[in-house]
Amino acid sequence: MFDTLNDQIRAGEKETTTSKEKILRWAMVLLVTALMFLGFYLLPTLG
């Protein structure tokens, strides 16, 4: 597979992502974060 950590890092750097994939990833992160905080905010009122 890979010989060293440096080989793994180089292989990871070769994988490029498109701007659409980056935007989608950040949108999902923001959505999950917003849902978590909303859940923490509403949880005491539901209990």
N, C-alpha and C. Protein backbone atom coordinates (compact mmCIF):
# COMPACT_ATOMS: atom_id res chain seq x y z
N MET A 1 0.84 -1.18 0.00
CA MET A 1 0.00 0.00 0.00
C MET A 1 0.89 1.25 0.00
N PHE A 2 1.10 1.90 1.16
CA PHE A 2 1.99 3.04 1.24
C PHE A 2 3.18 2.67 2.09
N ASP A 3 4.33 3.20 1.71
CA ASP A 3 5.54 2.90 2.47
C ASP A 3 5.67 3.76 3.72
N THR A 4 5.46 5.04 3.57
CA THR A 4 5.68 5.96 4.69
C THR A 4 4.52 6.92 4.81
N LEU A 5 4.54 7.68 5.90
CA LEU A 5 3.52 8.71 6.10
C LEU A 5 3.61 9.78 5.01
N ASN A 6 4.82 10.11 4.59
CA ASN A 6 4.99 11.09 3.53
C ASN A 6 4.33 10.64 2.23
N ASP A 7 4.40 9.35 1.94
CA ASP A 7 3.74 8.83 0.75
C ASP A 7 2.23 8.98 0.86
N GLN A 8 1.69 8.75 2.04
CA GLN A 8 0.25 8.91 2.25
C GLN A 8 -0.16 10.37 2.09
N ILE A 9 0.65 11.28 2.62
CA ILE A 9 0.34 12.71 2.51
C ILE A 9 0.37 13.14 1.05
N ARG A 10 1.38 12.70 0.32
CA ARG A 10 1.47 13.06 -1.10
C ARG A 10 0.28 12.51 -1.88
N ALA A 11 -0.12 11.29 -1.57
CA ALA A 11 -1.26 10.69 -2.26
C ALA A 11 -2.54 11.45 -1.94
N GLY A 12 -2.69 11.92 -0.70
CA GLY A 12 -3.86 12.69 -0.32
C GLY A 12 -3.90 14.05 -0.98
N GLU A 13 -2.75 14.65 -1.20
CA GLU A 13 -2.70 15.96 -1.83
C GLU A 13 -3.05 15.89 -3.31
N LYS A 14 -2.86 14.74 -3.92
CA LYS A 14 -3.16 14.61 -5.34
C LYS A 14 -4.66 14.57 -5.59
N GLU A 15 -5.44 14.17 -4.60
CA GLU A 15 -6.89 14.13 -4.76
C GLU A 15 -7.42 15.56 -4.70
N THR A 16 -7.95 16.03 -5.81
CA THR A 16 -8.47 17.38 -5.86
C THR A 16 -9.99 17.34 -5.80
N THR A 17 -10.55 18.33 -5.14
CA THR A 17 -12.00 18.44 -5.07
C THR A 17 -12.44 19.67 -5.84
N THR A 18 -13.61 19.61 -6.40
CA THR A 18 -14.12 20.75 -7.14
C THR A 18 -14.71 21.76 -6.18
N SER A 19 -14.93 22.96 -6.66
CA SER A 19 -15.50 24.00 -5.80
C SER A 19 -16.92 23.64 -5.40
N LYS A 20 -17.64 22.92 -6.27
CA LYS A 20 -18.99 22.48 -5.94
C LYS A 20 -18.97 21.52 -4.75
N GLU A 21 -18.00 20.61 -4.74
CA GLU A 21 -17.90 19.67 -3.62
C GLU A 21 -17.55 20.39 -2.32
N LYS A 22 -16.67 21.40 -2.40
CA LYS A 22 -16.30 22.16 -1.21
C LYS A 22 -17.50 22.92 -0.66
N ILE A 23 -18.27 23.54 -1.55
CA ILE A 23 -19.45 24.29 -1.12
C ILE A 23 -20.47 23.35 -0.50
N LEU A 24 -20.67 22.21 -1.11
CA LEU A 24 -21.63 21.23 -0.57
C LEU A 24 -21.19 20.73 0.80
N ARG A 25 -19.89 20.48 0.95
CA ARG A 25 -19.39 20.01 2.25
C ARG A 25 -19.60 21.06 3.33
N TRP A 26 -19.28 22.33 3.03
CA TRP A 26 -19.47 23.40 4.02
C TRP A 26 -20.94 23.62 4.32
N ALA A 27 -21.80 23.48 3.32
CA ALA A 27 -23.23 23.64 3.55
C ALA A 27 -23.74 22.55 4.48
N MET A 28 -23.27 21.33 4.31
CA MET A 28 -23.69 20.24 5.18
C MET A 28 -23.17 20.45 6.60
N VAL A 29 -21.95 20.93 6.74
CA VAL A 29 -21.39 21.21 8.06
C VAL A 29 -22.22 22.28 8.76
N LEU A 30 -22.55 23.34 8.05
CA LEU A 30 -23.35 24.42 8.64
C LEU A 30 -24.75 23.92 9.01
N LEU A 31 -25.34 23.09 8.17
CA LEU A 31 -26.67 22.57 8.46
C LEU A 31 -26.67 21.69 9.71
N VAL A 32 -25.70 20.79 9.80
CA VAL A 32 -25.62 19.91 10.97
C VAL A 32 -25.35 20.72 12.23
N THR A 33 -24.47 21.71 12.14
CA THR A 33 -24.18 22.56 13.29
C THR A 33 -25.42 23.33 13.74
N ALA A 34 -26.15 23.90 12.79
CA ALA A 34 -27.36 24.65 13.13
C ALA A 34 -28.40 23.73 13.77
N LEU A 35 -28.56 22.53 13.24
CA LEU A 35 -29.52 21.59 13.83
C LEU A 35 -29.12 21.17 15.23
N MET A 36 -27.82 21.00 15.46
CA MET A 36 -27.36 20.63 16.80
C MET A 36 -27.65 21.74 17.80
N PHE A 37 -27.29 22.98 17.45
CA PHE A 37 -27.53 24.08 18.36
C PHE A 37 -29.02 24.32 18.58
N LEU A 38 -29.82 24.16 17.54
CA LEU A 38 -31.26 24.30 17.68
C LEU A 38 -31.80 23.22 18.61
N GLY A 39 -31.29 22.01 18.47
CA GLY A 39 -31.71 20.93 19.35
C GLY A 39 -31.33 21.19 20.79
N PHE A 40 -30.14 21.69 21.03
CA PHE A 40 -29.72 22.01 22.39
C PHE A 40 -30.54 23.16 22.97
N TYR A 41 -30.97 24.07 22.12
CA TYR A 41 -31.76 25.21 22.58
C TYR A 41 -33.19 24.77 22.94
N LEU A 42 -33.76 23.89 22.12
CA LEU A 42 -35.15 23.47 22.32
C LEU A 42 -35.29 22.32 23.32
N LEU A 43 -34.24 21.59 23.57
CA LEU A 43 -34.34 20.43 24.44
C LEU A 43 -34.84 20.76 25.83
N PRO A 44 -34.36 21.81 26.50
CA PRO A 44 -34.88 22.11 27.85
C PRO A 44 -36.37 22.50 27.84
N THR A 45 -36.86 23.11 26.77
CA THR A 45 -38.26 23.51 26.72
C THR A 45 -39.18 22.31 26.49
N LEU A 46 -38.66 21.26 25.84
CA LEU A 46 -39.49 20.09 25.59
C LEU A 46 -39.56 19.17 26.80
N GLY A 47 -38.54 19.23 27.65
CA GLY A 47 -38.49 18.34 28.80
C GLY A 47 -39.30 18.88 29.93
